[in-house]
N, C-alpha and C. Protein backbone atom coordinates (compact mmCIF):
# COMPACT_ATOMS: atom_id res chain seq x y z
N MET A 1 164.95 111.21 127.74
CA MET A 1 166.35 110.84 127.85
C MET A 1 167.16 111.64 126.83
N LEU A 2 168.25 112.23 127.27
CA LEU A 2 169.10 113.01 126.39
C LEU A 2 169.96 112.10 125.53
N PRO A 3 170.27 112.53 124.30
CA PRO A 3 171.12 111.70 123.45
C PRO A 3 172.55 111.65 123.97
N ASP A 4 173.21 110.55 123.68
CA ASP A 4 174.62 110.41 124.03
C ASP A 4 175.42 111.24 123.03
N MET A 5 176.03 112.32 123.49
CA MET A 5 176.74 113.24 122.59
C MET A 5 177.98 112.61 121.96
N ARG A 6 178.40 111.46 122.48
CA ARG A 6 179.57 110.78 121.91
C ARG A 6 179.17 109.82 120.80
N SER A 7 177.87 109.58 120.65
CA SER A 7 177.44 108.60 119.66
C SER A 7 177.69 109.11 118.25
N ILE A 8 177.89 108.18 117.34
CA ILE A 8 178.12 108.54 115.94
C ILE A 8 176.91 109.25 115.37
N ASP A 9 175.69 108.77 115.67
CA ASP A 9 174.48 109.41 115.16
C ASP A 9 174.39 110.86 115.59
N PHE A 10 174.71 111.14 116.85
CA PHE A 10 174.64 112.51 117.35
C PHE A 10 175.69 113.37 116.67
N GLN A 11 176.91 112.85 116.50
CA GLN A 11 177.97 113.62 115.86
C GLN A 11 177.61 113.93 114.41
N VAL A 12 177.01 112.98 113.70
CA VAL A 12 176.59 113.22 112.32
C VAL A 12 175.51 114.29 112.29
N CYS A 13 174.59 114.26 113.25
CA CYS A 13 173.52 115.25 113.30
C CYS A 13 174.07 116.65 113.50
N LEU A 14 175.20 116.79 114.17
CA LEU A 14 175.80 118.10 114.34
C LEU A 14 176.34 118.64 113.03
N LEU A 15 176.65 117.75 112.08
CA LEU A 15 177.20 118.17 110.80
C LEU A 15 176.14 118.28 109.71
N GLU A 16 175.07 117.53 109.85
CA GLU A 16 173.98 117.61 108.88
C GLU A 16 172.70 117.09 109.52
N CYS A 17 171.58 117.59 109.04
CA CYS A 17 170.29 117.15 109.56
C CYS A 17 169.34 116.93 108.40
N GLY A 18 168.53 115.91 108.56
CA GLY A 18 167.51 115.66 107.55
C GLY A 18 166.22 116.35 107.94
N TYR A 19 165.43 116.68 106.94
CA TYR A 19 164.13 117.25 107.22
C TYR A 19 163.13 116.66 106.24
N SER A 20 161.90 116.64 106.67
CA SER A 20 160.83 116.04 105.88
C SER A 20 159.60 116.92 105.93
N LEU A 21 159.07 117.24 104.77
CA LEU A 21 157.82 118.00 104.66
C LEU A 21 156.83 117.14 103.88
N PRO A 22 156.03 116.36 104.59
CA PRO A 22 155.09 115.47 103.89
C PRO A 22 153.91 116.25 103.33
N PHE A 23 153.40 115.77 102.26
CA PHE A 23 152.18 116.30 101.63
C PHE A 23 152.30 117.80 101.33
N ILE A 24 153.42 118.19 100.76
CA ILE A 24 153.66 119.60 100.46
C ILE A 24 152.74 120.09 99.34
N THR A 25 152.41 119.17 98.43
CA THR A 25 151.47 119.47 97.35
C THR A 25 150.96 118.15 96.79
N ALA A 26 150.07 118.24 95.84
CA ALA A 26 149.56 117.02 95.21
C ALA A 26 149.44 117.25 93.72
N THR A 27 149.70 116.19 92.98
CA THR A 27 149.55 116.21 91.53
C THR A 27 148.63 115.06 91.15
N ALA A 28 148.46 114.86 89.86
CA ALA A 28 147.63 113.76 89.39
C ALA A 28 148.20 112.41 89.81
N GLU A 29 149.53 112.37 90.01
CA GLU A 29 150.17 111.12 90.45
C GLU A 29 150.02 110.87 91.94
N GLY A 30 149.59 111.87 92.69
CA GLY A 30 149.42 111.71 94.13
C GLY A 30 150.16 112.78 94.90
N PRO A 31 150.24 112.61 96.23
CA PRO A 31 150.89 113.62 97.07
C PRO A 31 152.39 113.67 96.84
N LYS A 32 152.95 114.86 97.04
CA LYS A 32 154.38 115.08 96.90
C LYS A 32 154.97 115.45 98.25
N HIS A 33 156.13 114.91 98.52
CA HIS A 33 156.82 115.14 99.78
C HIS A 33 158.21 115.69 99.50
N ILE A 34 158.74 116.37 100.49
CA ILE A 34 160.14 116.80 100.42
C ILE A 34 160.88 116.07 101.54
N ASP A 35 161.87 115.31 101.15
CA ASP A 35 162.79 114.67 102.09
C ASP A 35 164.18 115.05 101.64
N ALA A 36 164.90 115.78 102.47
CA ALA A 36 166.22 116.26 102.08
C ALA A 36 167.13 116.34 103.30
N THR A 37 168.38 116.62 103.01
CA THR A 37 169.40 116.78 104.05
C THR A 37 170.06 118.12 103.84
N LEU A 38 170.33 118.79 104.94
CA LEU A 38 171.01 120.08 104.91
C LEU A 38 172.25 119.98 105.79
N SER A 39 173.40 120.24 105.21
CA SER A 39 174.65 120.18 105.98
C SER A 39 174.83 121.49 106.74
N ARG A 40 175.67 121.44 107.76
CA ARG A 40 175.95 122.66 108.52
C ARG A 40 176.58 123.70 107.60
N ALA A 41 177.46 123.28 106.72
CA ALA A 41 178.11 124.22 105.79
C ALA A 41 177.07 124.90 104.90
N GLN A 42 176.10 124.13 104.39
CA GLN A 42 175.04 124.72 103.57
C GLN A 42 174.21 125.70 104.39
N PHE A 43 173.86 125.29 105.61
CA PHE A 43 173.06 126.16 106.48
C PHE A 43 173.79 127.46 106.77
N GLU A 44 175.08 127.37 107.08
CA GLU A 44 175.84 128.58 107.39
C GLU A 44 176.01 129.46 106.15
N GLU A 45 176.12 128.84 104.98
CA GLU A 45 176.18 129.63 103.74
C GLU A 45 174.86 130.36 103.51
N LEU A 46 173.74 129.66 103.73
CA LEU A 46 172.43 130.30 103.60
C LEU A 46 172.23 131.41 104.63
N SER A 47 172.87 131.29 105.77
CA SER A 47 172.72 132.25 106.87
C SER A 47 173.78 133.34 106.86
N SER A 48 174.71 133.29 105.94
CA SER A 48 175.86 134.21 105.97
C SER A 48 175.44 135.67 105.93
N ASP A 49 174.41 136.03 105.17
CA ASP A 49 173.97 137.43 105.14
C ASP A 49 173.44 137.87 106.50
N LEU A 50 172.83 136.95 107.24
CA LEU A 50 172.36 137.28 108.59
C LEU A 50 173.53 137.52 109.53
N PHE A 51 174.58 136.71 109.39
CA PHE A 51 175.77 136.90 110.22
C PHE A 51 176.42 138.24 109.90
N ASP A 52 176.45 138.61 108.61
CA ASP A 52 177.01 139.90 108.21
C ASP A 52 176.21 141.05 108.81
N ARG A 53 174.88 140.90 108.84
CA ARG A 53 174.02 141.96 109.40
C ARG A 53 174.11 142.01 110.92
N LEU A 54 174.63 140.98 111.53
CA LEU A 54 174.77 140.93 112.99
C LEU A 54 175.99 141.72 113.47
N ARG A 55 176.99 141.86 112.61
CA ARG A 55 178.23 142.54 113.01
C ARG A 55 178.01 143.97 113.52
N PRO A 56 177.32 144.85 112.77
CA PRO A 56 177.17 146.24 113.25
C PRO A 56 176.49 146.37 114.62
N PRO A 57 175.39 145.67 114.91
CA PRO A 57 174.80 145.82 116.25
C PRO A 57 175.72 145.31 117.37
N VAL A 58 176.46 144.24 117.10
CA VAL A 58 177.40 143.74 118.11
C VAL A 58 178.48 144.79 118.34
N GLN A 59 179.01 145.35 117.27
CA GLN A 59 180.05 146.38 117.41
C GLN A 59 179.50 147.60 118.12
N LYS A 60 178.26 148.00 117.81
CA LYS A 60 177.65 149.15 118.47
C LYS A 60 177.49 148.89 119.96
N ALA A 61 177.07 147.68 120.33
CA ALA A 61 176.93 147.34 121.74
C ALA A 61 178.27 147.43 122.45
N LEU A 62 179.31 146.94 121.80
CA LEU A 62 180.64 147.02 122.39
C LEU A 62 181.09 148.48 122.54
N ASP A 63 180.83 149.28 121.50
CA ASP A 63 181.21 150.70 121.55
C ASP A 63 180.40 151.44 122.62
N ASP A 64 179.09 151.19 122.68
CA ASP A 64 178.23 151.86 123.67
C ASP A 64 178.63 151.50 125.10
N ALA A 65 179.08 150.27 125.30
CA ALA A 65 179.48 149.84 126.63
C ALA A 65 180.78 150.49 127.07
N LYS A 66 181.54 151.04 126.12
CA LYS A 66 182.83 151.69 126.42
C LYS A 66 183.74 150.77 127.24
N VAL A 67 183.73 149.50 126.88
CA VAL A 67 184.57 148.51 127.56
C VAL A 67 185.66 148.09 126.59
N ASP A 68 186.89 148.23 127.05
CA ASP A 68 188.01 147.75 126.25
C ASP A 68 187.92 146.22 126.18
N LEU A 69 188.09 145.66 125.00
CA LEU A 69 187.95 144.21 124.85
C LEU A 69 188.86 143.42 125.78
N LYS A 70 190.03 143.96 126.09
CA LYS A 70 190.91 143.22 127.00
C LYS A 70 190.38 143.21 128.43
N ASN A 71 189.44 144.12 128.75
CA ASN A 71 188.82 144.16 130.07
C ASN A 71 187.48 143.42 130.11
N LEU A 72 187.05 142.94 128.97
CA LEU A 72 185.78 142.21 128.89
C LEU A 72 185.96 140.87 129.59
N GLN A 73 185.15 140.63 130.61
CA GLN A 73 185.30 139.41 131.39
C GLN A 73 184.55 138.24 130.79
N GLU A 74 183.36 138.50 130.28
CA GLU A 74 182.53 137.38 129.84
C GLU A 74 181.51 137.87 128.82
N VAL A 75 181.15 136.99 127.90
CA VAL A 75 180.10 137.28 126.92
C VAL A 75 179.02 136.23 127.11
N VAL A 76 177.83 136.70 127.49
CA VAL A 76 176.68 135.81 127.67
C VAL A 76 175.74 136.05 126.50
N LEU A 77 175.42 135.02 125.78
CA LEU A 77 174.57 135.13 124.61
C LEU A 77 173.11 135.00 125.02
N VAL A 78 172.25 135.84 124.41
CA VAL A 78 170.84 135.91 124.79
C VAL A 78 169.98 135.64 123.57
N GLY A 79 169.00 134.76 123.71
CA GLY A 79 168.05 134.47 122.64
C GLY A 79 168.39 133.17 121.93
N GLY A 80 167.37 132.55 121.40
CA GLY A 80 167.51 131.23 120.80
C GLY A 80 168.47 131.15 119.63
N SER A 81 168.57 132.22 118.84
CA SER A 81 169.46 132.19 117.67
C SER A 81 170.92 132.10 118.06
N THR A 82 171.23 132.45 119.30
CA THR A 82 172.63 132.41 119.73
C THR A 82 173.11 130.97 119.92
N ARG A 83 172.21 130.00 119.77
CA ARG A 83 172.63 128.60 119.80
C ARG A 83 173.36 128.22 118.50
N MET A 84 173.17 129.01 117.46
CA MET A 84 173.78 128.70 116.17
C MET A 84 175.30 128.84 116.28
N PRO A 85 176.03 127.81 115.84
CA PRO A 85 177.50 127.90 115.88
C PRO A 85 178.04 129.11 115.13
N GLY A 86 177.39 129.51 114.05
CA GLY A 86 177.85 130.68 113.30
C GLY A 86 177.78 131.95 114.12
N VAL A 87 176.73 132.11 114.91
CA VAL A 87 176.60 133.29 115.79
C VAL A 87 177.67 133.24 116.87
N GLN A 88 177.85 132.07 117.47
CA GLN A 88 178.87 131.92 118.51
C GLN A 88 180.26 132.21 117.95
N ASN A 89 180.54 131.74 116.75
CA ASN A 89 181.84 131.99 116.12
C ASN A 89 182.05 133.48 115.84
N LEU A 90 180.99 134.16 115.39
CA LEU A 90 181.08 135.59 115.11
C LEU A 90 181.41 136.36 116.39
N VAL A 91 180.71 136.04 117.46
CA VAL A 91 180.96 136.73 118.73
C VAL A 91 182.37 136.45 119.23
N LYS A 92 182.80 135.21 119.10
CA LYS A 92 184.16 134.86 119.52
C LYS A 92 185.19 135.64 118.69
N GLU A 93 184.95 135.73 117.39
CA GLU A 93 185.87 136.46 116.50
C GLU A 93 185.92 137.94 116.87
N MET A 94 184.77 138.53 117.19
CA MET A 94 184.71 139.97 117.46
C MET A 94 185.21 140.34 118.86
N THR A 95 185.10 139.41 119.81
CA THR A 95 185.45 139.74 121.20
C THR A 95 186.71 139.04 121.70
N ASN A 96 187.17 138.06 120.96
CA ASN A 96 188.29 137.21 121.39
C ASN A 96 187.97 136.48 122.70
N LYS A 97 186.69 136.24 122.93
CA LYS A 97 186.23 135.52 124.12
C LYS A 97 185.34 134.37 123.69
N GLU A 98 185.50 133.25 124.36
CA GLU A 98 184.61 132.12 124.14
C GLU A 98 183.27 132.46 124.78
N PRO A 99 182.17 132.48 124.03
CA PRO A 99 180.88 132.82 124.64
C PRO A 99 180.49 131.85 125.74
N ASN A 100 179.87 132.38 126.79
CA ASN A 100 179.37 131.56 127.88
C ASN A 100 178.08 130.90 127.41
N VAL A 101 178.09 129.60 127.32
CA VAL A 101 176.91 128.86 126.88
C VAL A 101 176.36 128.00 128.02
N SER A 102 176.72 128.37 129.26
CA SER A 102 176.30 127.57 130.40
C SER A 102 174.88 127.89 130.85
N VAL A 103 174.30 128.95 130.31
CA VAL A 103 172.94 129.33 130.68
C VAL A 103 172.02 129.15 129.48
N ASN A 104 170.75 128.94 129.75
CA ASN A 104 169.76 128.80 128.68
C ASN A 104 169.54 130.18 128.06
N PRO A 105 169.82 130.37 126.77
CA PRO A 105 169.70 131.69 126.16
C PRO A 105 168.27 132.22 126.15
N ASP A 106 167.28 131.34 126.31
CA ASP A 106 165.89 131.79 126.36
C ASP A 106 165.53 132.32 127.74
N GLU A 107 166.27 131.92 128.77
CA GLU A 107 165.97 132.34 130.14
C GLU A 107 166.82 133.51 130.59
N VAL A 108 167.89 133.82 129.88
CA VAL A 108 168.82 134.87 130.30
C VAL A 108 168.14 136.22 130.38
N VAL A 109 167.24 136.52 129.45
CA VAL A 109 166.56 137.81 129.46
C VAL A 109 165.77 137.97 130.75
N ALA A 110 165.04 136.94 131.13
CA ALA A 110 164.25 137.00 132.37
C ALA A 110 165.15 137.15 133.58
N LEU A 111 166.27 136.45 133.60
CA LEU A 111 167.20 136.56 134.73
C LEU A 111 167.78 137.97 134.82
N GLY A 112 168.14 138.54 133.67
CA GLY A 112 168.67 139.90 133.65
C GLY A 112 167.65 140.91 134.12
N ALA A 113 166.40 140.75 133.71
CA ALA A 113 165.33 141.64 134.16
C ALA A 113 165.14 141.53 135.67
N ALA A 114 165.21 140.30 136.19
CA ALA A 114 165.05 140.10 137.63
C ALA A 114 166.17 140.79 138.40
N VAL A 115 167.40 140.71 137.90
CA VAL A 115 168.53 141.37 138.56
C VAL A 115 168.33 142.88 138.57
N GLN A 116 167.85 143.45 137.47
CA GLN A 116 167.65 144.90 137.41
C GLN A 116 166.53 145.34 138.35
N VAL A 117 165.46 144.55 138.44
CA VAL A 117 164.37 144.88 139.37
C VAL A 117 164.89 144.84 140.80
N LEU A 118 165.65 143.81 141.12
CA LEU A 118 166.22 143.69 142.46
C LEU A 118 167.12 144.88 142.77
N GLU A 119 167.95 145.26 141.82
CA GLU A 119 168.84 146.42 142.02
C GLU A 119 168.03 147.68 142.28
N LYS A 120 166.94 147.88 141.52
CA LYS A 120 166.10 149.07 141.72
C LYS A 120 165.44 149.04 143.09
N LEU A 121 164.95 147.88 143.50
CA LEU A 121 164.32 147.78 144.82
C LEU A 121 165.32 148.10 145.93
N ILE A 122 166.54 147.59 145.79
CA ILE A 122 167.57 147.86 146.80
C ILE A 122 167.89 149.35 146.83
N CYS A 123 168.07 149.95 145.66
CA CYS A 123 168.40 151.37 145.60
C CYS A 123 167.27 152.22 146.16
N ASP A 124 166.03 151.90 145.80
CA ASP A 124 164.89 152.66 146.31
C ASP A 124 164.82 152.55 147.83
N THR A 125 165.08 151.36 148.35
CA THR A 125 165.04 151.15 149.80
C THR A 125 166.16 151.93 150.47
N LEU A 126 167.37 151.86 149.94
CA LEU A 126 168.50 152.57 150.54
C LEU A 126 168.29 154.08 150.47
N ASN A 127 167.75 154.57 149.37
CA ASN A 127 167.52 156.01 149.22
C ASN A 127 166.42 156.49 150.15
N THR A 128 165.48 155.62 150.49
CA THR A 128 164.43 155.98 151.43
C THR A 128 165.01 156.07 152.84
N VAL A 129 165.91 155.14 153.16
CA VAL A 129 166.54 155.13 154.49
C VAL A 129 167.48 156.32 154.64
N ASP A 130 168.31 156.56 153.65
CA ASP A 130 169.29 157.64 153.71
C ASP A 130 169.40 158.30 152.34
N PRO A 131 168.62 159.37 152.09
CA PRO A 131 168.64 160.01 150.77
C PRO A 131 170.01 160.55 150.36
N GLU A 132 170.90 160.74 151.32
CA GLU A 132 172.24 161.24 151.01
C GLU A 132 173.18 160.13 150.53
N ASP A 133 172.73 158.88 150.66
CA ASP A 133 173.55 157.73 150.25
C ASP A 133 173.74 157.76 148.75
N THR A 134 174.95 157.65 148.30
CA THR A 134 175.25 157.69 146.86
C THR A 134 175.53 156.30 146.32
N PHE A 135 175.06 155.27 147.03
CA PHE A 135 175.27 153.89 146.59
C PHE A 135 174.68 153.66 145.20
N CYS A 136 173.52 154.22 144.94
CA CYS A 136 172.82 153.93 143.68
C CYS A 136 172.91 155.08 142.71
């Protein structure tokens, strides 16, 4: 069963999460555990250098695509890390587009590969039927 996203517990979890590492070590007094809470702000501060390192590849992809940002129709995020609000905010800031989060970022790569295979099969078939066809 999925959590109720309107619940107070769920909303608090979006802002901070607790974590527990039992039996991390042992001393003469017995086992030691880590029980702590990490806020989203703390997490994003710890991740800020990663967000900074993400800027150049995103900019290079935009430059390589030779697409004017005003003509950019949609941004689909790929990979599990794109679930991070900081990554989504960075992409939104750089593209002025709200990222499409309607697809599972772990499955998008497979879907994209399937589309490319299908395109190649269609092109190969059309070129076999009529080699003069410039469709592909």
